Structures are given as C-alpha cells and as structure tokens.
mmCIF file of all heavy atoms, coordinates in Angstrom:
data_MODEL
# 
_entry.id   MODEL 
# 
loop_
_atom_site.group_PDB 
_atom_site.id 
_atom_site.type_symbol 
_atom_site.label_atom_id 
_atom_site.label_alt_id 
_atom_site.label_comp_id 
_atom_site.label_asym_id 
_atom_site.label_entity_id 
_atom_site.label_seq_id 
_atom_site.pdbx_PDB_ins_code 
_atom_site.Cartn_x 
_atom_site.Cartn_y 
_atom_site.Cartn_z 
_atom_site.occupancy 
_atom_site.B_iso_or_equiv 
_atom_site.pdbx_formal_charge 
_atom_site.auth_seq_id 
_atom_site.auth_comp_id 
_atom_site.auth_asym_id 
_atom_site.auth_atom_id 
_atom_site.pdbx_PDB_model_num 
ATOM 1   N N   . GLU A 1 1  ? 7.380   -4.554  -9.496  1.00 0.00 ? 1  GLU A N   1 
ATOM 2   C CA  . GLU A 1 1  ? 7.448   -3.506  -10.518 1.00 0.00 ? 1  GLU A CA  1 
ATOM 3   C C   . GLU A 1 1  ? 8.622   -3.696  -11.465 1.00 0.00 ? 1  GLU A C   1 
ATOM 4   O O   . GLU A 1 1  ? 8.537   -3.391  -12.649 1.00 0.00 ? 1  GLU A O   1 
ATOM 5   C CB  . GLU A 1 1  ? 7.508   -2.157  -9.855  1.00 0.00 ? 1  GLU A CB  1 
ATOM 6   C CG  . GLU A 1 1  ? 6.203   -1.736  -9.190  1.00 0.00 ? 1  GLU A CG  1 
ATOM 7   C CD  . GLU A 1 1  ? 6.302   -0.588  -8.213  1.00 0.00 ? 1  GLU A CD  1 
ATOM 8   O OE1 . GLU A 1 1  ? 7.418   -0.073  -8.028  1.00 0.00 ? 1  GLU A OE1 1 
ATOM 9   O OE2 . GLU A 1 1  ? 5.268   -0.206  -7.663  1.00 0.00 ? 1  GLU A OE2 1 
ATOM 10  N N   . GLU A 1 2  ? 9.741   -4.231  -10.957 1.00 0.00 ? 2  GLU A N   1 
ATOM 11  C CA  . GLU A 1 2  ? 10.901  -4.523  -11.797 1.00 0.00 ? 2  GLU A CA  1 
ATOM 12  C C   . GLU A 1 2  ? 10.584  -5.529  -12.853 1.00 0.00 ? 2  GLU A C   1 
ATOM 13  O O   . GLU A 1 2  ? 11.232  -5.590  -13.896 1.00 0.00 ? 2  GLU A O   1 
ATOM 14  C CB  . GLU A 1 2  ? 12.079  -5.023  -10.961 1.00 0.00 ? 2  GLU A CB  1 
ATOM 15  C CG  . GLU A 1 2  ? 12.728  -3.951  -10.105 1.00 0.00 ? 2  GLU A CG  1 
ATOM 16  C CD  . GLU A 1 2  ? 13.773  -4.512  -9.141  1.00 0.00 ? 2  GLU A CD  1 
ATOM 17  O OE1 . GLU A 1 2  ? 14.022  -5.730  -9.184  1.00 0.00 ? 2  GLU A OE1 1 
ATOM 18  O OE2 . GLU A 1 2  ? 14.275  -3.728  -8.355  1.00 0.00 ? 2  GLU A OE2 1 
ATOM 19  N N   . GLN A 1 3  ? 9.557   -6.349  -12.608 1.00 0.00 ? 3  GLN A N   1 
ATOM 20  C CA  . GLN A 1 3  ? 9.145   -7.403  -13.568 1.00 0.00 ? 3  GLN A CA  1 
ATOM 21  C C   . GLN A 1 3  ? 7.874   -6.983  -14.294 1.00 0.00 ? 3  GLN A C   1 
ATOM 22  O O   . GLN A 1 3  ? 7.145   -7.823  -14.786 1.00 0.00 ? 3  GLN A O   1 
ATOM 23  C CB  . GLN A 1 3  ? 8.926   -8.719  -12.832 1.00 0.00 ? 3  GLN A CB  1 
ATOM 24  C CG  . GLN A 1 3  ? 10.141  -9.202  -12.128 1.00 0.00 ? 3  GLN A CG  1 
ATOM 25  C CD  . GLN A 1 3  ? 9.838   -10.422 -11.249 1.00 0.00 ? 3  GLN A CD  1 
ATOM 26  O OE1 . GLN A 1 3  ? 8.973   -11.235 -11.561 1.00 0.00 ? 3  GLN A OE1 1 
ATOM 27  N NE2 . GLN A 1 3  ? 10.571  -10.560 -10.152 1.00 0.00 ? 3  GLN A NE2 1 
ATOM 28  N N   . SER A 1 4  ? 7.564   -5.664  -14.293 1.00 0.00 ? 4  SER A N   1 
ATOM 29  C CA  . SER A 1 4  ? 6.368   -5.096  -14.894 1.00 0.00 ? 4  SER A CA  1 
ATOM 30  C C   . SER A 1 4  ? 5.117   -5.675  -14.226 1.00 0.00 ? 4  SER A C   1 
ATOM 31  O O   . SER A 1 4  ? 4.068   -5.834  -14.884 1.00 0.00 ? 4  SER A O   1 
ATOM 32  C CB  . SER A 1 4  ? 6.309   -5.369  -16.399 1.00 0.00 ? 4  SER A CB  1 
ATOM 33  O OG  . SER A 1 4  ? 7.442   -4.763  -17.000 1.00 0.00 ? 4  SER A OG  1 
ATOM 34  N N   . GLY A 1 5  ? 5.203   -5.968  -12.960 1.00 0.00 ? 5  GLY A N   1 
ATOM 35  C CA  . GLY A 1 5  ? 4.069   -6.450  -12.189 1.00 0.00 ? 5  GLY A CA  1 
ATOM 36  C C   . GLY A 1 5  ? 3.582   -5.422  -11.197 1.00 0.00 ? 5  GLY A C   1 
ATOM 37  O O   . GLY A 1 5  ? 4.008   -4.248  -11.230 1.00 0.00 ? 5  GLY A O   1 
ATOM 38  N N   . SER A 1 6  ? 2.678   -5.856  -10.314 1.00 0.00 ? 6  SER A N   1 
ATOM 39  C CA  . SER A 1 6  ? 2.129   -4.915  -9.336  1.00 0.00 ? 6  SER A CA  1 
ATOM 40  C C   . SER A 1 6  ? 1.717   -5.656  -8.067  1.00 0.00 ? 6  SER A C   1 
ATOM 41  O O   . SER A 1 6  ? 1.379   -6.822  -8.091  1.00 0.00 ? 6  SER A O   1 
ATOM 42  C CB  . SER A 1 6  ? 0.937   -4.164  -9.913  1.00 0.00 ? 6  SER A CB  1 
ATOM 43  O OG  . SER A 1 6  ? -0.108  -5.065  -10.189 1.00 0.00 ? 6  SER A OG  1 
ATOM 44  N N   . LEU A 1 7  ? 1.737   -4.887  -6.992  1.00 0.00 ? 7  LEU A N   1 
ATOM 45  C CA  . LEU A 1 7  ? 1.293   -5.354  -5.686  1.00 0.00 ? 7  LEU A CA  1 
ATOM 46  C C   . LEU A 1 7  ? 0.125   -4.485  -5.261  1.00 0.00 ? 7  LEU A C   1 
ATOM 47  O O   . LEU A 1 7  ? 0.141   -3.290  -5.435  1.00 0.00 ? 7  LEU A O   1 
ATOM 48  C CB  . LEU A 1 7  ? 2.413   -5.225  -4.641  1.00 0.00 ? 7  LEU A CB  1 
ATOM 49  C CG  . LEU A 1 7  ? 2.044   -5.576  -3.217  1.00 0.00 ? 7  LEU A CG  1 
ATOM 50  C CD1 . LEU A 1 7  ? 1.854   -7.090  -3.079  1.00 0.00 ? 7  LEU A CD1 1 
ATOM 51  C CD2 . LEU A 1 7  ? 3.109   -5.101  -2.258  1.00 0.00 ? 7  LEU A CD2 1 
ATOM 52  N N   . ARG A 1 8  ? -0.939  -5.134  -4.780  1.00 0.00 ? 8  ARG A N   1 
ATOM 53  C CA  . ARG A 1 8  ? -2.052  -4.393  -4.219  1.00 0.00 ? 8  ARG A CA  1 
ATOM 54  C C   . ARG A 1 8  ? -2.336  -4.886  -2.819  1.00 0.00 ? 8  ARG A C   1 
ATOM 55  O O   . ARG A 1 8  ? -2.145  -6.068  -2.530  1.00 0.00 ? 8  ARG A O   1 
ATOM 56  C CB  . ARG A 1 8  ? -3.273  -4.433  -5.124  1.00 0.00 ? 8  ARG A CB  1 
ATOM 57  C CG  . ARG A 1 8  ? -3.964  -5.734  -5.182  1.00 0.00 ? 8  ARG A CG  1 
ATOM 58  C CD  . ARG A 1 8  ? -5.140  -5.661  -6.180  1.00 0.00 ? 8  ARG A CD  1 
ATOM 59  N NE  . ARG A 1 8  ? -5.850  -6.888  -6.170  1.00 0.00 ? 8  ARG A NE  1 
ATOM 60  C CZ  . ARG A 1 8  ? -6.980  -7.127  -5.530  1.00 0.00 ? 8  ARG A CZ  1 
ATOM 61  N NH1 . ARG A 1 8  ? -7.541  -6.144  -4.852  1.00 0.00 ? 8  ARG A NH1 1 
ATOM 62  N NH2 . ARG A 1 8  ? -7.592  -8.308  -5.562  1.00 0.00 ? 8  ARG A NH2 1 
ATOM 63  N N   . VAL A 1 9  ? -2.740  -3.994  -1.993  1.00 0.00 ? 9  VAL A N   1 
ATOM 64  C CA  . VAL A 1 9  ? -3.040  -4.313  -0.603  1.00 0.00 ? 9  VAL A CA  1 
ATOM 65  C C   . VAL A 1 9  ? -4.553  -4.374  -0.483  1.00 0.00 ? 9  VAL A C   1 
ATOM 66  O O   . VAL A 1 9  ? -5.261  -3.482  -0.956  1.00 0.00 ? 9  VAL A O   1 
ATOM 67  C CB  . VAL A 1 9  ? -2.448  -3.282  0.363   1.00 0.00 ? 9  VAL A CB  1 
ATOM 68  C CG1 . VAL A 1 9  ? -2.966  -3.484  1.765   1.00 0.00 ? 9  VAL A CG1 1 
ATOM 69  C CG2 . VAL A 1 9  ? -0.932  -3.325  0.332   1.00 0.00 ? 9  VAL A CG2 1 
ATOM 70  N N   . ILE A 1 10 ? -5.066  -5.413  0.157   1.00 0.00 ? 10 ILE A N   1 
ATOM 71  C CA  . ILE A 1 10 ? -6.493  -5.513  0.395   1.00 0.00 ? 10 ILE A CA  1 
ATOM 72  C C   . ILE A 1 10 ? -6.804  -5.571  1.903   1.00 0.00 ? 10 ILE A C   1 
ATOM 73  O O   . ILE A 1 10 ? -6.068  -6.167  2.646   1.00 0.00 ? 10 ILE A O   1 
ATOM 74  C CB  . ILE A 1 10 ? -7.114  -6.722  -0.347  1.00 0.00 ? 10 ILE A CB  1 
ATOM 75  C CG1 . ILE A 1 10 ? -6.436  -8.045  -0.022  1.00 0.00 ? 10 ILE A CG1 1 
ATOM 76  C CG2 . ILE A 1 10 ? -7.060  -6.513  -1.856  1.00 0.00 ? 10 ILE A CG2 1 
ATOM 77  C CD1 . ILE A 1 10 ? -7.081  -9.264  -0.616  1.00 0.00 ? 10 ILE A CD1 1 
ATOM 78  N N   . ASP A 1 11 ? -7.866  -4.911  2.247   1.00 0.00 ? 11 ASP A N   1 
ATOM 79  C CA  . ASP A 1 11 ? -8.426  -4.923  3.572   1.00 0.00 ? 11 ASP A CA  1 
ATOM 80  C C   . ASP A 1 11 ? -7.482  -4.616  4.692   1.00 0.00 ? 11 ASP A C   1 
ATOM 81  O O   . ASP A 1 11 ? -7.426  -5.321  5.720   1.00 0.00 ? 11 ASP A O   1 
ATOM 82  C CB  . ASP A 1 11 ? -9.112  -6.274  3.855   1.00 0.00 ? 11 ASP A CB  1 
ATOM 83  C CG  . ASP A 1 11 ? -10.275 -6.542  2.928   1.00 0.00 ? 11 ASP A CG  1 
ATOM 84  O OD1 . ASP A 1 11 ? -10.885 -5.580  2.435   1.00 0.00 ? 11 ASP A OD1 1 
ATOM 85  O OD2 . ASP A 1 11 ? -10.554 -7.703  2.650   1.00 0.00 ? 11 ASP A OD2 1 
ATOM 86  N N   . PRO A 1 12 ? -6.694  -3.537  4.594   1.00 0.00 ? 12 PRO A N   1 
ATOM 87  C CA  . PRO A 1 12 ? -5.801  -3.196  5.710   1.00 0.00 ? 12 PRO A CA  1 
ATOM 88  C C   . PRO A 1 12 ? -6.611  -2.762  6.918   1.00 0.00 ? 12 PRO A C   1 
ATOM 89  O O   . PRO A 1 12 ? -7.634  -2.111  6.775   1.00 0.00 ? 12 PRO A O   1 
ATOM 90  C CB  . PRO A 1 12 ? -4.956  -2.054  5.186   1.00 0.00 ? 12 PRO A CB  1 
ATOM 91  C CG  . PRO A 1 12 ? -5.821  -1.414  4.143   1.00 0.00 ? 12 PRO A CG  1 
ATOM 92  C CD  . PRO A 1 12 ? -6.609  -2.531  3.532   1.00 0.00 ? 12 PRO A CD  1 
ATOM 93  N N   . THR A 1 13 ? -6.166  -3.122  8.114   1.00 0.00 ? 13 THR A N   1 
ATOM 94  C CA  . THR A 1 13 ? -6.822  -2.659  9.327   1.00 0.00 ? 13 THR A CA  1 
ATOM 95  C C   . THR A 1 13 ? -6.567  -1.169  9.465   1.00 0.00 ? 13 THR A C   1 
ATOM 96  O O   . THR A 1 13 ? -5.679  -0.617  8.787   1.00 0.00 ? 13 THR A O   1 
ATOM 97  C CB  . THR A 1 13 ? -6.271  -3.415  10.565  1.00 0.00 ? 13 THR A CB  1 
ATOM 98  O OG1 . THR A 1 13 ? -4.858  -3.221  10.626  1.00 0.00 ? 13 THR A OG1 1 
ATOM 99  C CG2 . THR A 1 13 ? -6.581  -4.912  10.509  1.00 0.00 ? 13 THR A CG2 1 
ATOM 100 N N   . ASP A 1 14 ? -7.302  -0.506  10.379  1.00 0.00 ? 14 ASP A N   1 
ATOM 101 C CA  . ASP A 1 14 ? -7.108  0.941   10.534  1.00 0.00 ? 14 ASP A CA  1 
ATOM 102 C C   . ASP A 1 14 ? -5.669  1.316   10.904  1.00 0.00 ? 14 ASP A C   1 
ATOM 103 O O   . ASP A 1 14 ? -5.146  2.261   10.289  1.00 0.00 ? 14 ASP A O   1 
ATOM 104 C CB  . ASP A 1 14 ? -8.085  1.456   11.594  1.00 0.00 ? 14 ASP A CB  1 
ATOM 105 C CG  . ASP A 1 14 ? -9.503  1.516   11.083  1.00 0.00 ? 14 ASP A CG  1 
ATOM 106 O OD1 . ASP A 1 14 ? -9.724  1.471   9.857   1.00 0.00 ? 14 ASP A OD1 1 
ATOM 107 O OD2 . ASP A 1 14 ? -10.414 1.556   11.913  1.00 0.00 ? 14 ASP A OD2 1 
ATOM 108 N N   . PRO A 1 15 ? -4.998  0.627   11.838  1.00 0.00 ? 15 PRO A N   1 
ATOM 109 C CA  . PRO A 1 15 ? -3.625  1.018   12.159  1.00 0.00 ? 15 PRO A CA  1 
ATOM 110 C C   . PRO A 1 15 ? -2.688  0.869   10.946  1.00 0.00 ? 15 PRO A C   1 
ATOM 111 O O   . PRO A 1 15 ? -1.813  1.697   10.724  1.00 0.00 ? 15 PRO A O   1 
ATOM 112 C CB  . PRO A 1 15 ? -3.215  0.092   13.287  1.00 0.00 ? 15 PRO A CB  1 
ATOM 113 C CG  . PRO A 1 15 ? -4.470  -0.455  13.840  1.00 0.00 ? 15 PRO A CG  1 
ATOM 114 C CD  . PRO A 1 15 ? -5.472  -0.419  12.755  1.00 0.00 ? 15 PRO A CD  1 
ATOM 115 N N   . VAL A 1 16 ? -2.888  -0.184  10.191  1.00 0.00 ? 16 VAL A N   1 
ATOM 116 C CA  . VAL A 1 16 ? -2.044  -0.427  9.003   1.00 0.00 ? 16 VAL A CA  1 
ATOM 117 C C   . VAL A 1 16 ? -2.329  0.607   7.925   1.00 0.00 ? 16 VAL A C   1 
ATOM 118 O O   . VAL A 1 16 ? -1.432  1.126   7.290   1.00 0.00 ? 16 VAL A O   1 
ATOM 119 C CB  . VAL A 1 16 ? -2.234  -1.868  8.500   1.00 0.00 ? 16 VAL A CB  1 
ATOM 120 C CG1 . VAL A 1 16 ? -1.546  -2.062  7.169   1.00 0.00 ? 16 VAL A CG1 1 
ATOM 121 C CG2 . VAL A 1 16 ? -1.727  -2.865  9.514   1.00 0.00 ? 16 VAL A CG2 1 
ATOM 122 N N   . ARG A 1 17 ? -3.604  0.905   7.724   1.00 0.00 ? 17 ARG A N   1 
ATOM 123 C CA  . ARG A 1 17 ? -4.000  1.902   6.704   1.00 0.00 ? 17 ARG A CA  1 
ATOM 124 C C   . ARG A 1 17 ? -3.368  3.245   7.028   1.00 0.00 ? 17 ARG A C   1 
ATOM 125 O O   . ARG A 1 17 ? -2.863  3.958   6.177   1.00 0.00 ? 17 ARG A O   1 
ATOM 126 C CB  . ARG A 1 17 ? -5.497  2.050   6.625   1.00 0.00 ? 17 ARG A CB  1 
ATOM 127 C CG  . ARG A 1 17 ? -5.952  2.977   5.510   1.00 0.00 ? 17 ARG A CG  1 
ATOM 128 C CD  . ARG A 1 17 ? -7.469  3.109   5.390   1.00 0.00 ? 17 ARG A CD  1 
ATOM 129 N NE  . ARG A 1 17 ? -8.146  1.840   5.294   1.00 0.00 ? 17 ARG A NE  1 
ATOM 130 C CZ  . ARG A 1 17 ? -8.984  1.348   6.253   1.00 0.00 ? 17 ARG A CZ  1 
ATOM 131 N NH1 . ARG A 1 17 ? -9.193  2.047   7.348   1.00 0.00 ? 17 ARG A NH1 1 
ATOM 132 N NH2 . ARG A 1 17 ? -9.544  0.207   6.056   1.00 0.00 ? 17 ARG A NH2 1 
ATOM 133 N N   . LEU A 1 18 ? -3.339  3.596   8.315   1.00 0.00 ? 18 LEU A N   1 
ATOM 134 C CA  . LEU A 1 18 ? -2.753  4.861   8.754   1.00 0.00 ? 18 LEU A CA  1 
ATOM 135 C C   . LEU A 1 18 ? -1.248  4.901   8.422   1.00 0.00 ? 18 LEU A C   1 
ATOM 136 O O   . LEU A 1 18 ? -0.775  5.909   7.866   1.00 0.00 ? 18 LEU A O   1 
ATOM 137 C CB  . LEU A 1 18 ? -2.964  5.051   10.248  1.00 0.00 ? 18 LEU A CB  1 
ATOM 138 C CG  . LEU A 1 18 ? -2.349  6.339   10.862  1.00 0.00 ? 18 LEU A CG  1 
ATOM 139 C CD1 . LEU A 1 18 ? -2.981  7.587   10.242  1.00 0.00 ? 18 LEU A CD1 1 
ATOM 140 C CD2 . LEU A 1 18 ? -2.545  6.322   12.360  1.00 0.00 ? 18 LEU A CD2 1 
ATOM 141 N N   . VAL A 1 19 ? -0.543  3.819   8.698   1.00 0.00 ? 19 VAL A N   1 
ATOM 142 C CA  . VAL A 1 19 ? 0.893   3.759   8.392   1.00 0.00 ? 19 VAL A CA  1 
ATOM 143 C C   . VAL A 1 19 ? 1.116   3.869   6.883   1.00 0.00 ? 19 VAL A C   1 
ATOM 144 O O   . VAL A 1 19 ? 1.992   4.592   6.418   1.00 0.00 ? 19 VAL A O   1 
ATOM 145 C CB  . VAL A 1 19 ? 1.518   2.459   8.933   1.00 0.00 ? 19 VAL A CB  1 
ATOM 146 C CG1 . VAL A 1 19 ? 2.944   2.305   8.467   1.00 0.00 ? 19 VAL A CG1 1 
ATOM 147 C CG2 . VAL A 1 19 ? 1.504   2.496   10.475  1.00 0.00 ? 19 VAL A CG2 1 
ATOM 148 N N   . LEU A 1 20 ? 0.296   3.129   6.088   1.00 0.00 ? 20 LEU A N   1 
ATOM 149 C CA  . LEU A 1 20 ? 0.458   3.202   4.629   1.00 0.00 ? 20 LEU A CA  1 
ATOM 150 C C   . LEU A 1 20 ? 0.165   4.578   4.122   1.00 0.00 ? 20 LEU A C   1 
ATOM 151 O O   . LEU A 1 20 ? 0.875   5.079   3.243   1.00 0.00 ? 20 LEU A O   1 
ATOM 152 C CB  . LEU A 1 20 ? -0.488  2.163   3.995   1.00 0.00 ? 20 LEU A CB  1 
ATOM 153 C CG  . LEU A 1 20 ? -0.144  0.694   4.196   1.00 0.00 ? 20 LEU A CG  1 
ATOM 154 C CD1 . LEU A 1 20 ? -1.286  -0.176  3.686   1.00 0.00 ? 20 LEU A CD1 1 
ATOM 155 C CD2 . LEU A 1 20 ? 1.168   0.344   3.567   1.00 0.00 ? 20 LEU A CD2 1 
ATOM 156 N N   . ASP A 1 21 ? -0.883  5.241   4.664   1.00 0.00 ? 21 ASP A N   1 
ATOM 157 C CA  . ASP A 1 21 ? -1.221  6.582   4.212   1.00 0.00 ? 21 ASP A CA  1 
ATOM 158 C C   . ASP A 1 21 ? -0.146  7.593   4.566   1.00 0.00 ? 21 ASP A C   1 
ATOM 159 O O   . ASP A 1 21 ? 0.264   8.407   3.733   1.00 0.00 ? 21 ASP A O   1 
ATOM 160 C CB  . ASP A 1 21 ? -2.534  7.014   4.849   1.00 0.00 ? 21 ASP A CB  1 
ATOM 161 C CG  . ASP A 1 21 ? -3.750  6.352   4.227   1.00 0.00 ? 21 ASP A CG  1 
ATOM 162 O OD1 . ASP A 1 21 ? -3.634  5.768   3.132   1.00 0.00 ? 21 ASP A OD1 1 
ATOM 163 O OD2 . ASP A 1 21 ? -4.823  6.388   4.860   1.00 0.00 ? 21 ASP A OD2 1 
ATOM 164 N N   . LEU A 1 22 ? 0.333   7.557   5.805   1.00 0.00 ? 22 LEU A N   1 
ATOM 165 C CA  . LEU A 1 22 ? 1.324   8.520   6.264   1.00 0.00 ? 22 LEU A CA  1 
ATOM 166 C C   . LEU A 1 22 ? 2.658   8.383   5.541   1.00 0.00 ? 22 LEU A C   1 
ATOM 167 O O   . LEU A 1 22 ? 3.351   9.359   5.318   1.00 0.00 ? 22 LEU A O   1 
ATOM 168 C CB  . LEU A 1 22 ? 1.555   8.389   7.771   1.00 0.00 ? 22 LEU A CB  1 
ATOM 169 C CG  . LEU A 1 22 ? 0.403   8.861   8.655   1.00 0.00 ? 22 LEU A CG  1 
ATOM 170 C CD1 . LEU A 1 22 ? 0.707   8.565   10.101  1.00 0.00 ? 22 LEU A CD1 1 
ATOM 171 C CD2 . LEU A 1 22 ? 0.131   10.332  8.445   1.00 0.00 ? 22 LEU A CD2 1 
ATOM 172 N N   . SER A 1 23 ? 2.972   7.135   5.129   1.00 0.00 ? 23 SER A N   1 
ATOM 173 C CA  . SER A 1 23 ? 4.226   6.908   4.417   1.00 0.00 ? 23 SER A CA  1 
ATOM 174 C C   . SER A 1 23 ? 4.148   7.266   2.951   1.00 0.00 ? 23 SER A C   1 
ATOM 175 O O   . SER A 1 23 ? 5.179   7.402   2.280   1.00 0.00 ? 23 SER A O   1 
ATOM 176 C CB  . SER A 1 23 ? 4.619   5.407   4.541   1.00 0.00 ? 23 SER A CB  1 
ATOM 177 O OG  . SER A 1 23 ? 3.732   4.623   3.752   1.00 0.00 ? 23 SER A OG  1 
ATOM 178 N N   . GLY A 1 24 ? 2.923   7.400   2.420   1.00 0.00 ? 24 GLY A N   1 
ATOM 179 C CA  . GLY A 1 24 ? 2.753   7.657   0.989   1.00 0.00 ? 24 GLY A CA  1 
ATOM 180 C C   . GLY A 1 24 ? 2.692   6.384   0.152   1.00 0.00 ? 24 GLY A C   1 
ATOM 181 O O   . GLY A 1 24 ? 2.489   6.438   -1.035  1.00 0.00 ? 24 GLY A O   1 
ATOM 182 N N   . LEU A 1 25 ? 2.880   5.249   0.813   1.00 0.00 ? 25 LEU A N   1 
ATOM 183 C CA  . LEU A 1 25 ? 2.887   3.978   0.097   1.00 0.00 ? 25 LEU A CA  1 
ATOM 184 C C   . LEU A 1 25 ? 1.487   3.600   -0.383  1.00 0.00 ? 25 LEU A C   1 
ATOM 185 O O   . LEU A 1 25 ? 1.367   2.911   -1.423  1.00 0.00 ? 25 LEU A O   1 
ATOM 186 C CB  . LEU A 1 25 ? 3.504   2.886   0.973   1.00 0.00 ? 25 LEU A CB  1 
ATOM 187 C CG  . LEU A 1 25 ? 3.809   1.551   0.325   1.00 0.00 ? 25 LEU A CG  1 
ATOM 188 C CD1 . LEU A 1 25 ? 4.737   1.740   -0.899  1.00 0.00 ? 25 LEU A CD1 1 
ATOM 189 C CD2 . LEU A 1 25 ? 4.467   0.621   1.317   1.00 0.00 ? 25 LEU A CD2 1 
ATOM 190 N N   . ALA A 1 26 ? 0.465   4.021   0.314   1.00 0.00 ? 26 ALA A N   1 
ATOM 191 C CA  . ALA A 1 26 ? -0.897  3.674   -0.096  1.00 0.00 ? 26 ALA A CA  1 
ATOM 192 C C   . ALA A 1 26 ? -1.202  4.119   -1.543  1.00 0.00 ? 26 ALA A C   1 
ATOM 193 O O   . ALA A 1 26 ? -1.859  3.409   -2.278  1.00 0.00 ? 26 ALA A O   1 
ATOM 194 C CB  . ALA A 1 26 ? -1.887  4.270   0.876   1.00 0.00 ? 26 ALA A CB  1 
ATOM 195 N N   . GLU A 1 27 ? -0.691  5.293   -1.932  1.00 0.00 ? 27 GLU A N   1 
ATOM 196 C CA  . GLU A 1 27 ? -0.932  5.796   -3.274  1.00 0.00 ? 27 GLU A CA  1 
ATOM 197 C C   . GLU A 1 27 ? -0.243  4.932   -4.313  1.00 0.00 ? 27 GLU A C   1 
ATOM 198 O O   . GLU A 1 27 ? -0.750  4.803   -5.425  1.00 0.00 ? 27 GLU A O   1 
ATOM 199 C CB  . GLU A 1 27 ? -0.428  7.234   -3.390  1.00 0.00 ? 27 GLU A CB  1 
ATOM 200 C CG  . GLU A 1 27 ? -1.260  8.208   -2.564  1.00 0.00 ? 27 GLU A CG  1 
ATOM 201 C CD  . GLU A 1 27 ? -0.716  9.618   -2.667  1.00 0.00 ? 27 GLU A CD  1 
ATOM 202 O OE1 . GLU A 1 27 ? -0.068  9.932   -3.695  1.00 0.00 ? 27 GLU A OE1 1 
ATOM 203 O OE2 . GLU A 1 27 ? -0.988  10.410  -1.755  1.00 0.00 ? 27 GLU A OE2 1 
ATOM 204 N N   . ARG A 1 28 ? 0.860   4.355   -3.954  1.00 0.00 ? 28 ARG A N   1 
ATOM 205 C CA  . ARG A 1 28 ? 1.646   3.527   -4.879  1.00 0.00 ? 28 ARG A CA  1 
ATOM 206 C C   . ARG A 1 28 ? 0.970   2.135   -5.091  1.00 0.00 ? 28 ARG A C   1 
ATOM 207 O O   . ARG A 1 28 ? 1.086   1.548   -6.154  1.00 0.00 ? 28 ARG A O   1 
ATOM 208 C CB  . ARG A 1 28 ? 3.040   3.339   -4.368  1.00 0.00 ? 28 ARG A CB  1 
ATOM 209 C CG  . ARG A 1 28 ? 3.933   2.500   -5.237  1.00 0.00 ? 28 ARG A CG  1 
ATOM 210 C CD  . ARG A 1 28 ? 5.339   2.552   -4.662  1.00 0.00 ? 28 ARG A CD  1 
ATOM 211 N NE  . ARG A 1 28 ? 6.164   1.537   -5.279  1.00 0.00 ? 28 ARG A NE  1 
ATOM 212 C CZ  . ARG A 1 28 ? 7.227   1.032   -4.710  1.00 0.00 ? 28 ARG A CZ  1 
ATOM 213 N NH1 . ARG A 1 28 ? 7.585   1.451   -3.496  1.00 0.00 ? 28 ARG A NH1 1 
ATOM 214 N NH2 . ARG A 1 28 ? 7.940   0.117   -5.303  1.00 0.00 ? 28 ARG A NH2 1 
ATOM 215 N N   . LEU A 1 29 ? 0.328   1.665   -4.056  1.00 0.00 ? 29 LEU A N   1 
ATOM 216 C CA  . LEU A 1 29 ? -0.325  0.346   -4.099  1.00 0.00 ? 29 LEU A CA  1 
ATOM 217 C C   . LEU A 1 29 ? -1.747  0.533   -4.559  1.00 0.00 ? 29 LEU A C   1 
ATOM 218 O O   . LEU A 1 29 ? -2.643  0.730   -3.722  1.00 0.00 ? 29 LEU A O   1 
ATOM 219 C CB  . LEU A 1 29 ? -0.218  -0.328  -2.721  1.00 0.00 ? 29 LEU A CB  1 
ATOM 220 C CG  . LEU A 1 29 ? 1.153   -0.456  -2.168  1.00 0.00 ? 29 LEU A CG  1 
ATOM 221 C CD1 . LEU A 1 29 ? 1.120   -0.951  -0.738  1.00 0.00 ? 29 LEU A CD1 1 
ATOM 222 C CD2 . LEU A 1 29 ? 2.025   -1.374  -3.011  1.00 0.00 ? 29 LEU A CD2 1 
# 
C-alpha cells in the first residue's frame, strides 16, 4: 500500500479465513 499497490488473499482455508475475519484484515484484503 505504501507503493500504491495491493495484496489480495486467495483460497484461504477455513481456519485461516476465521483468523482473517476476526482480525478485520479480511475486509482490507
């Protein structure tokens, strides 16, 4: 993001998706 770029996450497993969702990071990615 500092370089005007972006990161996207693809195909997270259920445990990883849960961590991303609970942290709020899923919305950012």
